[in-house]
Amino acid sequence: MNFEIVSVESISAIPPGQWDALSRGNPLLSHAYLEALESTQCAVPRTGWHPRHLALMRTGSIRAVMPLYAKTHSRGEYVFDQAWAHAYARYGMKYYPKLVSAIPFTPVPGPRLLAHDRNDQRLLLEAAKQLLREDGYSSLHVLFPHEDELPVLLEAGLNLRSSIQFHWTNRGYSDMDAFLAALSQAKRKKLRQDRRGVSKAGITFRWLTGHEIDNSTLRFLYLCYVQTYLQHGNSPYLNLDFFERLYDRLNDSLVIIIAERRGTPIAAALNIRHGDRLYGRYWGSTEYVPGLHFETCYMQGIEYCIAHGIQVFEGGAQGEHKLARGMLPVATKSAHWIEDPVFSPAVTDFLERETPLVDQYLKELLHHSPYRGT
């Protein structure tokens, strides 16, 4: 069947309904979410994210799409390839710009080749490689793809790379006490002590969703978000305009946890819900309280999941400290195509040596499971 694949430099060039028909209802992959990143100037060429989204068209309609960006740095990806960039530089070569298929600033696994069948997925990957060659990009990187996409990525010659996240799984807990009872005695005791400490500090929590969220809540959330980045000496990726547009378009998917002392907000965490999963995204506070970070970001998220029958809470990238909060390590993948004939086998060799180490690390983490009888 005849088809055409085009690359567009703004997702607004693709009809929202046709994009969303392929994105499986995931709010983080929705046209509204990705367009908000672009229209608020968060994921644009000026910030190092140049949209090059691919759309496969047949008989005038879009049959498959691929979120794709030309990147001039590796920030906001959560798969760390700076060592590869440094190696390129030592040989007088340019690693940037590169092509990246990802949700900007978001290490959430999910589909990246949005298509109805594997053949269209193959066509998207071949088109991405062709774009790479025509425009002189060094490489193609597909970050946190859905596991169903791994076979076609391997068939296309991309190398897989493993990394680790920490996810909590709801085992049918009736309440928080039932969850805590499933933990080892030492972990259970420590978590209860931490939670009592936050409570004794006079901290209470509210869960806000949909129209329970107002402008003042959004502004306070953004203040907390900015504060976290500044405390670590970094500039925030997102602006207030993005948070406001996110609320306007996807408010039913937002879960904001507010920590208060005597009615005054002092911390906030943003989560996004999709079906039976809750994704922890951003957090911050206006003052330091021992244990507040863990309670606001993780324990309240877990408690929300139990109360609402949500199956999985994804706590974000990295962080061994999440293990003690009942989150277990989960292997995630990325896929990489290096165009240079010298560096390609070098990266393949690197990944062949790195993968067993990551697998061993995962086993060691699981050996220290916080749950009883494991």
Protein backbone atom coordinates (compact mmCIF):
# COMPACT_ATOMS: atom_id res chain seq x y z
CA MET A 1 0.00 0.00 0.00
CA ASN A 2 1.31 3.47 -0.84
CA PHE A 3 2.42 5.59 2.08
CA GLU A 4 4.30 8.76 2.88
CA ILE A 5 6.30 9.62 6.00
CA VAL A 6 6.79 13.28 6.85
CA SER A 7 8.77 15.00 9.59
CA VAL A 8 7.09 17.98 11.22
CA GLU A 9 8.75 20.62 13.39
CA SER A 10 5.68 21.18 15.54
CA ILE A 11 3.19 18.66 16.85
CA SER A 12 0.49 21.21 16.07
CA ALA A 13 0.93 20.19 12.40
CA ILE A 14 -0.65 16.83 13.30
CA PRO A 15 -4.40 16.76 14.05
CA PRO A 16 -4.88 16.04 17.79
CA GLY A 17 -7.55 13.39 17.20
CA GLN A 18 -5.34 11.40 14.83
CA TRP A 19 -2.35 11.54 17.21
CA ASP A 20 -4.43 10.58 20.24
CA ALA A 21 -6.01 7.67 18.38
CA LEU A 22 -2.52 6.13 18.40
CA SER A 23 -1.26 7.10 21.87
CA ARG A 24 -3.30 4.51 23.84
CA GLY A 25 -4.87 7.16 26.07
CA ASN A 26 -1.63 7.87 27.90
CA PRO A 27 -1.81 11.52 29.05
CA LEU A 28 1.98 11.87 28.93
CA LEU A 29 1.94 10.85 25.26
CA SER A 30 -1.15 12.84 24.39
CA HIS A 31 -1.14 15.58 21.79
CA ALA A 32 -2.21 18.02 24.52
CA TYR A 33 0.78 17.22 26.76
CA LEU A 34 3.43 17.33 24.04
CA GLU A 35 1.91 20.42 22.41
CA ALA A 36 1.91 22.19 25.78
CA LEU A 37 5.65 21.55 26.07
CA GLU A 38 6.18 23.16 22.68
CA SER A 39 3.74 26.07 22.86
CA THR A 40 5.06 27.15 26.28
CA GLN A 41 8.64 27.14 24.89
CA CYS A 42 9.83 24.31 27.16
CA ALA A 43 10.66 21.73 24.46
CA VAL A 44 11.77 23.87 21.52
CA PRO A 45 15.04 24.44 19.63
CA ARG A 46 16.04 27.26 22.01
CA THR A 47 16.07 24.81 24.93
CA GLY A 48 17.80 22.06 22.95
CA TRP A 49 14.65 20.13 21.97
CA HIS A 50 13.93 20.60 18.25
CA PRO A 51 10.72 18.71 17.33
CA ARG A 52 11.11 16.41 14.32
CA HIS A 53 8.04 14.21 14.87
CA LEU A 54 7.37 11.56 12.24
CA ALA A 55 3.94 10.83 10.78
CA LEU A 56 3.18 7.93 8.44
CA MET A 57 0.28 8.73 6.11
CA ARG A 58 -1.89 6.47 3.97
CA THR A 59 -4.86 7.60 1.86
CA GLY A 60 -4.77 11.04 3.46
CA SER A 61 -4.90 9.91 7.10
CA ILE A 62 -2.18 9.38 9.69
CA ARG A 63 -1.58 5.70 10.46
CA ALA A 64 1.48 5.91 12.73
CA VAL A 65 3.48 8.59 14.57
CA MET A 66 6.74 8.82 16.47
CA PRO A 67 7.55 11.58 18.98
CA LEU A 68 11.02 12.67 17.93
CA TYR A 69 13.40 15.50 18.80
CA ALA A 70 16.79 16.70 17.61
CA LYS A 71 18.79 17.27 20.79
CA THR A 72 21.81 19.52 21.27
CA HIS A 73 22.52 18.15 24.77
CA SER A 74 21.58 15.15 26.92
CA ARG A 75 19.72 16.90 29.73
CA GLY A 76 16.19 15.92 30.66
CA GLU A 77 16.53 12.38 29.28
CA TYR A 78 17.42 10.20 32.33
CA VAL A 79 19.46 7.83 30.17
CA PHE A 80 23.01 8.98 30.54
CA ASP A 81 25.12 9.02 27.38
CA GLN A 82 27.43 11.93 28.18
CA ALA A 83 30.42 9.56 28.18
CA TRP A 84 29.65 8.77 24.55
CA ALA A 85 29.54 12.50 23.76
CA HIS A 86 32.90 12.99 25.49
CA ALA A 87 34.40 10.14 23.47
CA TYR A 88 33.21 11.78 20.24
CA ALA A 89 34.74 15.09 21.35
CA ARG A 90 38.12 13.49 22.12
CA TYR A 91 38.26 12.29 18.52
CA GLY A 92 37.28 15.70 17.16
CA MET A 93 33.79 14.55 16.19
CA LYS A 94 30.34 15.94 16.99
CA TYR A 95 27.90 13.84 18.97
CA TYR A 96 25.29 16.60 19.00
CA PRO A 97 22.82 17.09 17.49
CA LYS A 98 21.31 13.62 17.89
CA LEU A 99 17.78 12.26 17.42
CA VAL A 100 15.82 11.23 20.50
CA SER A 101 12.39 9.61 20.72
CA ALA A 102 11.16 10.34 24.23
CA ILE A 103 8.73 12.27 26.37
CA PRO A 104 10.76 15.38 27.26
CA PHE A 105 11.88 15.53 30.90
CA THR A 106 9.89 12.38 31.67
CA PRO A 107 11.44 8.94 32.39
CA VAL A 108 8.13 7.09 32.08
CA PRO A 109 8.14 3.87 30.02
CA GLY A 110 5.55 3.69 27.28
CA PRO A 111 5.07 3.35 23.52
CA ARG A 112 7.33 5.38 21.25
CA LEU A 113 6.36 3.84 17.90
CA LEU A 114 2.68 4.70 17.89
CA ALA A 115 1.26 2.38 15.26
CA HIS A 116 -1.37 -0.31 14.74
CA ASP A 117 1.05 -2.96 13.48
CA ARG A 118 4.71 -3.90 13.54
CA ASN A 119 5.27 -3.14 9.88
CA ASP A 120 4.36 0.50 10.40
CA GLN A 121 6.71 0.56 13.41
CA ARG A 122 9.50 -0.70 11.14
CA LEU A 123 8.71 2.02 8.62
CA LEU A 124 8.92 4.70 11.33
CA LEU A 125 12.33 3.45 12.43
CA GLU A 126 13.65 3.38 8.87
CA ALA A 127 12.34 6.90 8.34
CA ALA A 128 14.11 8.05 11.52
CA LYS A 129 17.37 6.56 10.24
CA GLN A 130 16.88 8.26 6.88
CA LEU A 131 16.25 11.60 8.60
CA LEU A 132 19.43 11.03 10.61
CA ARG A 133 21.50 10.56 7.47
CA GLU A 134 19.94 13.38 5.50
CA ASP A 135 20.34 15.97 8.24
CA GLY A 136 23.63 14.75 9.69
CA TYR A 137 22.57 13.61 13.15
CA SER A 138 25.05 11.35 14.92
CA SER A 139 22.64 8.82 16.37
CA LEU A 140 19.10 7.76 17.19
CA HIS A 141 17.95 7.02 20.74
CA VAL A 142 14.57 5.57 21.75
CA LEU A 143 14.17 6.12 25.48
CA PHE A 144 11.95 4.03 27.77
CA PRO A 145 10.04 2.24 24.98
CA HIS A 146 7.23 -0.18 25.76
CA GLU A 147 8.44 -3.77 26.08
CA ASP A 148 6.23 -4.75 23.13
CA GLU A 149 8.42 -2.53 20.94
CA LEU A 150 11.73 -4.16 21.87
CA PRO A 151 11.61 -6.88 19.17
CA VAL A 152 11.15 -4.39 16.33
CA LEU A 153 13.88 -2.16 17.76
CA LEU A 154 16.27 -5.11 17.81
CA GLU A 155 15.25 -6.13 14.29
CA ALA A 156 16.09 -2.62 13.13
CA GLY A 157 19.60 -3.01 14.47
CA LEU A 158 19.35 -0.81 17.55
CA ASN A 159 21.27 -1.83 20.67
CA LEU A 160 19.35 -2.16 23.93
CA ARG A 161 20.56 -0.59 27.14
CA SER A 162 19.27 -1.44 30.61
CA SER A 163 18.58 0.91 33.50
CA ILE A 164 16.69 0.62 36.76
CA GLN A 165 13.68 2.37 38.21
CA PHE A 166 11.72 1.73 41.41
CA HIS A 167 8.00 0.93 41.20
CA TRP A 168 5.47 0.05 43.89
CA THR A 169 2.88 -2.64 43.16
CA ASN A 170 -0.48 -2.87 44.88
CA ARG A 171 -0.93 -6.42 46.16
CA GLY A 172 -4.56 -5.88 47.05
CA TYR A 173 -3.86 -3.94 50.24
CA SER A 174 -7.01 -2.87 52.07
CA ASP A 175 -5.28 0.12 53.68
CA MET A 176 -1.85 1.49 54.63
CA ASP A 177 -1.65 -0.73 57.70
CA ALA A 178 -2.04 -3.79 55.48
CA PHE A 179 0.76 -2.54 53.24
CA LEU A 180 3.06 -1.81 56.19
CA ALA A 181 2.30 -5.24 57.63
CA ALA A 182 3.72 -6.79 54.46
CA LEU A 183 7.13 -5.20 55.14
CA SER A 184 9.90 -6.65 57.26
CA GLN A 185 9.79 -5.67 60.92
CA ALA A 186 12.76 -3.31 60.65
CA LYS A 187 11.44 -1.51 57.57
CA ARG A 188 7.93 -1.29 59.01
CA LYS A 189 9.21 0.18 62.27
CA LYS A 190 11.35 2.77 60.47
CA LEU A 191 8.53 3.88 58.17
CA ARG A 192 6.12 4.25 61.06
CA GLN A 193 8.68 6.31 62.98
CA ASP A 194 9.22 8.56 59.96
CA ARG A 195 5.49 9.04 59.44
CA ARG A 196 4.94 9.83 63.13
CA GLY A 197 7.73 12.39 62.96
CA VAL A 198 6.03 14.23 60.10
CA SER A 199 2.69 14.09 61.91
CA LYS A 200 4.20 15.39 65.16
CA ALA A 201 5.60 18.33 63.19
CA GLY A 202 1.98 19.31 62.59
CA ILE A 203 1.94 18.31 58.92
CA THR A 204 -1.29 17.17 57.28
CA PHE A 205 -1.98 16.26 53.68
CA ARG A 206 -4.62 16.90 51.05
CA TRP A 207 -5.10 15.08 47.74
CA LEU A 208 -6.44 17.28 44.96
CA THR A 209 -7.65 16.16 41.55
CA GLY A 210 -9.56 17.69 38.65
CA HIS A 211 -11.53 20.80 39.57
CA GLU A 212 -10.38 20.59 43.20
CA ILE A 213 -7.17 22.17 41.89
CA ASP A 214 -7.25 25.95 41.62
CA ASN A 215 -4.89 28.67 40.44
CA SER A 216 -3.31 29.19 43.85
CA THR A 217 -2.55 25.46 44.07
CA LEU A 218 -0.87 25.50 40.66
CA ARG A 219 1.20 28.55 41.55
CA PHE A 220 2.29 27.02 44.84
CA LEU A 221 3.17 23.75 43.07
CA TYR A 222 5.30 25.69 40.60
CA LEU A 223 7.02 27.60 43.39
CA CYS A 224 7.93 24.28 45.03
CA TYR A 225 9.09 22.82 41.72
CA VAL A 226 11.39 25.78 41.03
CA GLN A 227 12.73 25.68 44.59
CA THR A 228 13.85 22.08 44.17
CA TYR A 229 15.82 22.85 41.02
CA LEU A 230 17.43 25.97 42.46
CA GLN A 231 18.48 24.08 45.60
CA HIS A 232 20.43 21.71 43.35
CA GLY A 233 21.98 24.56 41.37
CA ASN A 234 19.96 23.91 38.22
CA SER A 235 17.50 25.91 36.17
CA PRO A 236 13.99 24.39 35.96
CA TYR A 237 12.98 22.80 32.67
CA LEU A 238 9.34 23.87 32.87
CA ASN A 239 7.55 27.18 33.37
CA LEU A 240 4.30 28.20 35.03
CA ASP A 241 2.59 28.54 31.67
CA PHE A 242 3.17 24.81 31.06
CA PHE A 243 1.62 23.81 34.40
CA GLU A 244 -1.39 26.02 33.73
CA ARG A 245 -1.93 24.57 30.26
CA LEU A 246 -1.49 21.08 31.63
CA TYR A 247 -4.28 21.74 34.10
CA ASP A 248 -6.52 23.29 31.43
CA ARG A 249 -6.14 20.28 29.16
CA LEU A 250 -5.56 17.27 31.42
CA ASN A 251 -6.87 18.23 34.85
CA ASP A 252 -8.63 14.88 35.35
CA SER A 253 -5.26 13.13 35.07
CA LEU A 254 -3.53 15.29 37.69
CA VAL A 255 -3.13 14.31 41.34
CA ILE A 256 -1.54 17.02 43.46
CA ILE A 257 -0.53 16.21 47.02
CA ILE A 258 -0.32 19.24 49.29
CA ALA A 259 1.44 19.18 52.66
CA GLU A 260 0.19 21.79 55.12
CA ARG A 261 1.08 23.03 58.57
CA ARG A 262 -1.83 24.68 60.35
CA GLY A 263 -3.55 25.28 57.01
CA THR A 264 -0.51 26.81 55.31
CA PRO A 265 0.97 24.85 52.36
CA ILE A 266 4.66 24.00 52.77
CA ALA A 267 5.18 21.27 50.14
CA ALA A 268 3.59 19.84 47.01
CA ALA A 269 3.99 16.85 44.70
CA LEU A 270 2.54 16.44 41.21
CA ASN A 271 1.46 12.98 40.05
CA ILE A 272 -0.21 11.98 36.80
CA ARG A 273 -2.68 9.11 36.59
CA HIS A 274 -3.19 6.84 33.61
CA GLY A 275 -5.56 3.92 34.14
CA ASP A 276 -4.16 1.67 36.84
CA ARG A 277 -0.85 3.53 37.11
CA LEU A 278 0.20 6.67 38.97
CA TYR A 279 3.34 8.47 37.86
CA GLY A 280 5.24 10.55 40.39
CA ARG A 281 6.60 13.59 38.59
CA TYR A 282 7.64 16.76 40.47
CA TRP A 283 7.91 17.87 44.07
CA GLY A 284 9.24 20.69 46.20
CA SER A 285 8.90 22.40 49.56
CA THR A 286 9.26 25.89 51.00
CA GLU A 287 10.91 24.66 54.21
CA TYR A 288 12.79 21.66 55.48
CA VAL A 289 11.02 19.15 57.71
CA PRO A 290 12.71 15.78 58.40
CA GLY A 291 10.96 13.04 56.42
CA LEU A 292 8.72 15.46 54.51
CA HIS A 293 10.19 14.61 51.11
CA PHE A 294 9.66 10.86 51.48
CA GLU A 295 6.19 11.25 52.94
CA THR A 296 4.96 13.73 50.31
CA CYS A 297 6.52 12.05 47.28
CA TYR A 298 6.22 8.37 48.09
CA MET A 299 4.13 7.39 51.10
CA GLN A 300 1.25 9.69 50.22
CA GLY A 301 1.42 8.46 46.62
CA ILE A 302 1.24 4.86 47.82
CA GLU A 303 -1.61 5.68 50.18
CA TYR A 304 -3.50 7.38 47.33
CA CYS A 305 -3.03 4.28 45.15
CA ILE A 306 -4.38 2.00 47.88
CA ALA A 307 -7.38 4.25 48.49
CA HIS A 308 -8.23 4.41 44.78
CA GLY A 309 -7.37 0.87 43.70
CA ILE A 310 -4.43 1.90 41.52
CA GLN A 311 -2.15 -1.02 40.69
CA VAL A 312 1.28 0.58 40.15
CA PHE A 313 3.01 3.70 41.45
CA GLU A 314 6.07 4.67 39.40
CA GLY A 315 8.33 6.76 41.58
CA GLY A 316 10.57 8.05 38.80
CA ALA A 317 14.17 7.41 37.83
CA GLN A 318 16.89 6.13 40.16
CA GLY A 319 16.97 6.30 43.94
CA GLU A 320 17.93 3.33 46.12
CA HIS A 321 16.20 5.10 49.02
CA LYS A 322 12.87 4.17 47.41
CA LEU A 323 13.54 0.51 48.20
CA ALA A 324 12.99 1.17 51.91
CA ARG A 325 9.58 2.69 51.05
CA GLY A 326 8.30 -0.52 49.49
CA MET A 327 9.28 0.20 45.89
CA LEU A 328 11.05 -2.61 44.10
CA PRO A 329 13.64 -2.29 41.30
CA VAL A 330 12.36 -2.73 37.76
CA ALA A 331 14.49 -3.00 34.64
CA THR A 332 13.76 -0.41 31.96
CA LYS A 333 15.21 -0.22 28.47
CA SER A 334 16.44 2.24 25.91
CA ALA A 335 17.51 1.58 22.32
CA HIS A 336 20.41 3.18 20.46
CA TRP A 337 21.58 3.44 16.87
CA ILE A 338 25.05 4.94 16.32
CA GLU A 339 25.67 5.87 12.70
CA ASP A 340 29.46 6.18 12.76
CA PRO A 341 31.08 2.87 11.64
CA VAL A 342 33.88 3.21 14.22
CA PHE A 343 31.85 4.29 17.24
CA SER A 344 28.96 1.91 16.56
CA PRO A 345 30.90 -1.28 17.44
CA ALA A 346 32.54 0.55 20.36
CA VAL A 347 29.13 1.39 21.84
CA THR A 348 27.94 -2.16 21.16
CA ASP A 349 30.94 -3.48 23.08
CA PHE A 350 30.29 -1.03 25.93
CA LEU A 351 26.67 -2.16 26.24
CA GLU A 352 27.66 -5.85 26.14
CA ARG A 353 29.90 -5.20 29.15
CA GLU A 354 27.51 -2.85 30.95
CA THR A 355 24.35 -4.99 30.72
CA PRO A 356 25.53 -7.88 32.96
CA LEU A 357 26.59 -5.34 35.59
CA VAL A 358 23.16 -3.71 35.56
CA ASP A 359 21.51 -7.15 35.77
CA GLN A 360 23.69 -8.07 38.73
CA TYR A 361 22.87 -4.77 40.45
CA LEU A 362 19.17 -5.49 39.97
CA LYS A 363 19.57 -8.91 41.60
CA GLU A 364 21.44 -7.38 44.54
CA LEU A 365 18.69 -4.82 45.05
CA LEU A 366 16.03 -7.53 44.98
CA HIS A 367 18.05 -9.46 47.56
CA HIS A 368 17.45 -6.51 49.90
CA SER A 369 13.68 -6.45 49.35
CA PRO A 370 11.85 -4.70 52.19
CA TYR A 371 9.05 -7.28 52.16
CA ARG A 372 8.68 -10.17 54.55
CA GLY A 373 9.52 -13.61 53.23
CA THR A 374 11.54 -12.41 50.25
